[in-house]
N, C-alpha and C. Protein backbone atom coordinates (compact mmCIF):
# COMPACT_ATOMS: atom_id res chain seq x y z
N MET A 1 0.84 -1.17 0.00
CA MET A 1 0.00 0.00 0.00
C MET A 1 0.89 1.25 0.00
N LYS A 2 0.63 2.13 -0.91
CA LYS A 2 1.43 3.34 -1.03
C LYS A 2 0.98 4.36 0.01
N ARG A 3 1.96 4.94 0.69
CA ARG A 3 1.66 5.91 1.74
C ARG A 3 1.43 7.29 1.13
N LYS A 4 0.38 7.94 1.57
CA LYS A 4 0.04 9.26 1.06
C LYS A 4 0.91 10.31 1.75
N ARG A 5 1.56 11.15 0.96
CA ARG A 5 2.39 12.21 1.52
C ARG A 5 1.50 13.37 1.96
N PRO A 6 1.80 13.95 3.12
CA PRO A 6 0.99 15.10 3.55
C PRO A 6 1.24 16.31 2.66
N GLU A 7 0.22 17.13 2.51
CA GLU A 7 0.33 18.35 1.72
C GLU A 7 1.21 19.34 2.48
N THR A 8 2.11 20.03 1.74
CA THR A 8 3.00 21.00 2.37
C THR A 8 2.98 22.31 1.61
N TYR A 9 3.54 23.33 2.24
CA TYR A 9 3.72 24.62 1.57
C TYR A 9 5.08 25.18 1.99
N GLU A 10 5.59 26.14 1.24
CA GLU A 10 6.87 26.74 1.53
C GLU A 10 6.68 27.98 2.40
N ALA A 11 7.53 28.11 3.42
CA ALA A 11 7.47 29.26 4.31
C ALA A 11 8.90 29.67 4.66
N GLU A 12 9.02 30.84 5.23
CA GLU A 12 10.34 31.31 5.65
C GLU A 12 10.41 31.29 7.16
N HIS A 13 11.52 30.72 7.68
CA HIS A 13 11.72 30.63 9.12
C HIS A 13 13.19 30.91 9.41
N ALA A 14 13.45 31.87 10.25
CA ALA A 14 14.82 32.24 10.63
C ALA A 14 15.67 32.52 9.40
N GLY A 15 15.07 33.18 8.42
CA GLY A 15 15.81 33.56 7.22
C GLY A 15 16.01 32.45 6.21
N ARG A 16 15.43 31.27 6.45
CA ARG A 16 15.57 30.14 5.53
C ARG A 16 14.20 29.74 5.02
N LYS A 17 14.18 29.18 3.82
CA LYS A 17 12.93 28.64 3.28
C LYS A 17 12.80 27.19 3.73
N VAL A 18 11.63 26.86 4.26
CA VAL A 18 11.37 25.50 4.76
C VAL A 18 10.03 25.02 4.23
N ARG A 19 9.82 23.70 4.25
CA ARG A 19 8.54 23.09 3.88
C ARG A 19 7.76 22.84 5.17
N VAL A 20 6.52 23.25 5.17
CA VAL A 20 5.66 23.12 6.35
C VAL A 20 4.44 22.29 5.97
N THR A 21 4.06 21.37 6.84
CA THR A 21 2.89 20.54 6.60
C THR A 21 1.62 21.36 6.78
N VAL A 22 0.69 21.22 5.86
CA VAL A 22 -0.61 21.90 5.96
C VAL A 22 -1.42 21.15 7.02
N PRO A 23 -1.87 21.86 8.06
CA PRO A 23 -2.66 21.18 9.09
C PRO A 23 -3.99 20.69 8.53
N GLU A 24 -4.44 19.54 9.06
CA GLU A 24 -5.73 19.00 8.64
C GLU A 24 -6.85 19.85 9.23
N ASP A 25 -7.97 19.89 8.54
CA ASP A 25 -9.13 20.58 9.08
C ASP A 25 -9.61 19.85 10.32
N PRO A 26 -9.88 20.58 11.39
CA PRO A 26 -10.38 19.91 12.59
C PRO A 26 -11.77 19.35 12.35
N LYS A 27 -12.07 18.27 13.05
CA LYS A 27 -13.41 17.67 12.97
C LYS A 27 -14.34 18.41 13.92
N PRO A 28 -15.62 18.45 13.61
CA PRO A 28 -16.57 19.14 14.50
C PRO A 28 -16.50 18.64 15.94
N GLU A 29 -16.28 17.35 16.13
CA GLU A 29 -16.22 16.83 17.50
C GLU A 29 -15.00 17.35 18.26
N ASP A 30 -13.95 17.79 17.53
CA ASP A 30 -12.80 18.40 18.20
C ASP A 30 -13.21 19.71 18.87
N PHE A 31 -14.04 20.50 18.19
CA PHE A 31 -14.53 21.75 18.78
C PHE A 31 -15.40 21.46 20.00
N LEU A 32 -16.24 20.44 19.89
CA LEU A 32 -17.11 20.07 21.01
C LEU A 32 -16.27 19.60 22.19
N ALA A 33 -15.28 18.76 21.92
CA ALA A 33 -14.41 18.26 22.99
C ALA A 33 -13.70 19.42 23.69
N ASP A 34 -13.20 20.38 22.92
CA ASP A 34 -12.54 21.55 23.51
C ASP A 34 -13.51 22.35 24.37
N ALA A 35 -14.73 22.55 23.90
CA ALA A 35 -15.73 23.29 24.67
C ALA A 35 -16.06 22.56 25.97
N LEU A 36 -16.17 21.25 25.91
CA LEU A 36 -16.46 20.47 27.12
C LEU A 36 -15.32 20.59 28.12
N ARG A 37 -14.06 20.46 27.63
CA ARG A 37 -12.90 20.58 28.51
C ARG A 37 -12.82 21.98 29.15
N ASP A 38 -13.17 23.00 28.38
CA ASP A 38 -13.06 24.38 28.87
C ASP A 38 -14.14 24.74 29.89
N ASN A 39 -15.26 24.03 29.88
CA ASN A 39 -16.39 24.45 30.70
C ASN A 39 -16.80 23.48 31.80
N LEU A 40 -16.32 22.24 31.73
CA LEU A 40 -16.71 21.25 32.73
C LEU A 40 -15.48 20.53 33.26
N SER A 41 -15.51 20.17 34.52
CA SER A 41 -14.40 19.43 35.11
C SER A 41 -14.43 17.98 34.59
N PRO A 42 -13.28 17.30 34.65
CA PRO A 42 -13.28 15.89 34.25
C PRO A 42 -14.27 15.06 35.07
N LYS A 43 -14.40 15.38 36.35
CA LYS A 43 -15.34 14.63 37.19
C LYS A 43 -16.78 14.86 36.74
N ALA A 44 -17.12 16.08 36.33
CA ALA A 44 -18.46 16.38 35.82
C ALA A 44 -18.71 15.62 34.51
N LEU A 45 -17.72 15.59 33.64
CA LEU A 45 -17.86 14.87 32.37
C LEU A 45 -18.06 13.37 32.62
N ALA A 46 -17.30 12.81 33.57
CA ALA A 46 -17.45 11.40 33.90
C ALA A 46 -18.83 11.11 34.48
N THR A 47 -19.33 12.03 35.28
CA THR A 47 -20.66 11.86 35.87
C THR A 47 -21.74 11.87 34.79
N ILE A 48 -21.65 12.80 33.86
CA ILE A 48 -22.61 12.85 32.76
C ILE A 48 -22.55 11.56 31.95
N ALA A 49 -21.33 11.11 31.64
CA ALA A 49 -21.17 9.88 30.87
C ALA A 49 -21.76 8.69 31.60
N ALA A 50 -21.57 8.64 32.91
CA ALA A 50 -22.11 7.53 33.70
C ALA A 50 -23.64 7.51 33.65
N TYR A 51 -24.24 8.68 33.71
CA TYR A 51 -25.70 8.74 33.66
C TYR A 51 -26.26 8.44 32.27
N LEU A 52 -25.45 8.57 31.26
CA LEU A 52 -25.89 8.25 29.90
C LEU A 52 -25.75 6.76 29.59
N GLN A 53 -25.05 6.02 30.44
CA GLN A 53 -24.77 4.62 30.16
C GLN A 53 -26.01 3.76 29.95
N PRO A 54 -26.96 3.78 30.82
CA PRO A 54 -28.10 2.88 30.60
C PRO A 54 -29.18 3.52 29.72
N VAL A 55 -28.87 3.69 28.46
CA VAL A 55 -29.84 4.30 27.55
C VAL A 55 -30.95 3.29 27.27
N ARG A 56 -32.18 3.70 27.53
CA ARG A 56 -33.33 2.81 27.30
C ARG A 56 -34.35 3.53 26.44
N THR A 57 -34.38 3.16 25.19
CA THR A 57 -35.36 3.70 24.27
C THR A 57 -35.50 2.73 23.10
N LEU A 58 -36.62 2.77 22.44
CA LEU A 58 -36.83 1.89 21.30
C LEU A 58 -36.28 2.49 20.01
N ASP A 59 -35.88 3.75 20.06
CA ASP A 59 -35.35 4.44 18.89
C ASP A 59 -33.85 4.16 18.77
N ARG A 60 -33.48 3.27 17.86
CA ARG A 60 -32.08 2.86 17.71
C ARG A 60 -31.18 4.03 17.33
N ASP A 61 -31.68 4.94 16.51
CA ASP A 61 -30.87 6.08 16.11
C ASP A 61 -30.59 6.98 17.31
N LEU A 62 -31.56 7.15 18.16
CA LEU A 62 -31.37 7.94 19.37
C LEU A 62 -30.34 7.27 20.29
N VAL A 63 -30.43 5.97 20.43
CA VAL A 63 -29.45 5.24 21.24
C VAL A 63 -28.05 5.43 20.67
N ARG A 64 -27.91 5.34 19.36
CA ARG A 64 -26.61 5.51 18.70
C ARG A 64 -26.04 6.89 18.98
N GLN A 65 -26.89 7.92 18.91
CA GLN A 65 -26.43 9.28 19.14
C GLN A 65 -25.97 9.49 20.59
N VAL A 66 -26.75 8.98 21.53
CA VAL A 66 -26.39 9.12 22.94
C VAL A 66 -25.10 8.34 23.23
N GLU A 67 -24.97 7.15 22.66
CA GLU A 67 -23.75 6.37 22.86
C GLU A 67 -22.54 7.08 22.26
N TRP A 68 -22.71 7.72 21.10
CA TRP A 68 -21.62 8.48 20.49
C TRP A 68 -21.17 9.60 21.44
N PHE A 69 -22.13 10.32 22.02
CA PHE A 69 -21.82 11.42 22.92
C PHE A 69 -21.13 10.90 24.18
N ARG A 70 -21.62 9.79 24.70
CA ARG A 70 -21.01 9.21 25.89
C ARG A 70 -19.57 8.80 25.60
N GLU A 71 -19.33 8.18 24.46
CA GLU A 71 -17.96 7.78 24.09
C GLU A 71 -17.06 9.00 23.95
N LEU A 72 -17.59 10.09 23.42
CA LEU A 72 -16.81 11.32 23.31
C LEU A 72 -16.44 11.83 24.71
N LEU A 73 -17.39 11.82 25.63
CA LEU A 73 -17.11 12.26 27.00
C LEU A 73 -16.02 11.41 27.64
N VAL A 74 -16.10 10.10 27.46
CA VAL A 74 -15.09 9.20 28.02
C VAL A 74 -13.72 9.50 27.40
N GLU A 75 -13.69 9.75 26.11
CA GLU A 75 -12.45 10.09 25.42
C GLU A 75 -11.87 11.40 25.96
N VAL A 76 -12.73 12.38 26.19
CA VAL A 76 -12.29 13.70 26.67
C VAL A 76 -11.65 13.59 28.06
N VAL A 77 -12.17 12.73 28.92
CA VAL A 77 -11.60 12.60 30.27
C VAL A 77 -10.35 11.73 30.29
N GLY A 78 -10.02 11.08 29.18
CA GLY A 78 -8.78 10.31 29.12
C GLY A 78 -8.94 8.83 28.90
N GLY A 79 -10.12 8.39 28.52
CA GLY A 79 -10.32 6.98 28.22
C GLY A 79 -11.02 6.24 29.35
N ASP A 80 -11.21 4.93 29.13
CA ASP A 80 -11.98 4.11 30.07
C ASP A 80 -11.39 4.09 31.48
N GLU A 81 -10.07 3.94 31.58
CA GLU A 81 -9.44 3.86 32.89
C GLU A 81 -9.65 5.16 33.68
N ALA A 82 -9.42 6.29 33.03
CA ALA A 82 -9.62 7.59 33.70
C ALA A 82 -11.10 7.78 34.04
N PHE A 83 -11.99 7.38 33.12
CA PHE A 83 -13.42 7.50 33.38
C PHE A 83 -13.80 6.70 34.63
N ASN A 84 -13.34 5.46 34.72
CA ASN A 84 -13.68 4.61 35.87
C ASN A 84 -13.15 5.21 37.18
N ARG A 85 -11.93 5.75 37.14
CA ARG A 85 -11.35 6.37 38.33
C ARG A 85 -12.15 7.60 38.75
N LEU A 86 -12.50 8.44 37.77
CA LEU A 86 -13.27 9.65 38.08
C LEU A 86 -14.67 9.32 38.57
N ALA A 87 -15.28 8.31 37.98
CA ALA A 87 -16.61 7.88 38.43
C ALA A 87 -16.56 7.39 39.87
N ASP A 88 -15.50 6.65 40.21
CA ASP A 88 -15.33 6.20 41.61
C ASP A 88 -15.16 7.39 42.54
N GLU A 89 -14.33 8.37 42.12
CA GLU A 89 -14.11 9.57 42.95
C GLU A 89 -15.40 10.35 43.15
N ALA A 90 -16.28 10.31 42.14
CA ALA A 90 -17.56 11.03 42.23
C ALA A 90 -18.59 10.25 43.03
N GLY A 91 -18.25 9.01 43.40
CA GLY A 91 -19.17 8.20 44.19
C GLY A 91 -20.26 7.56 43.36
N LEU A 92 -20.00 7.29 42.10
CA LEU A 92 -21.01 6.69 41.23
C LEU A 92 -20.90 5.18 41.21
């Protein structure tokens, strides 16, 4: 499998011309994750994720959406291990 080279552009740095990698466009969930980190503590995020765990509805699409959000919250706090530790600290 051929590896795709990242897109670059030429720039000047310290009087020299260099090639710089073009940053990828951020995903919408990156903005959401940043907003969550900026406004809620990790313990609050873990608590919200814990309460979203037992989703009970007959609407599969709704379940998928809530599970996606819960997974994002767990990712924002640092993954499953960090989530479990924070949930324990919160007394959940």
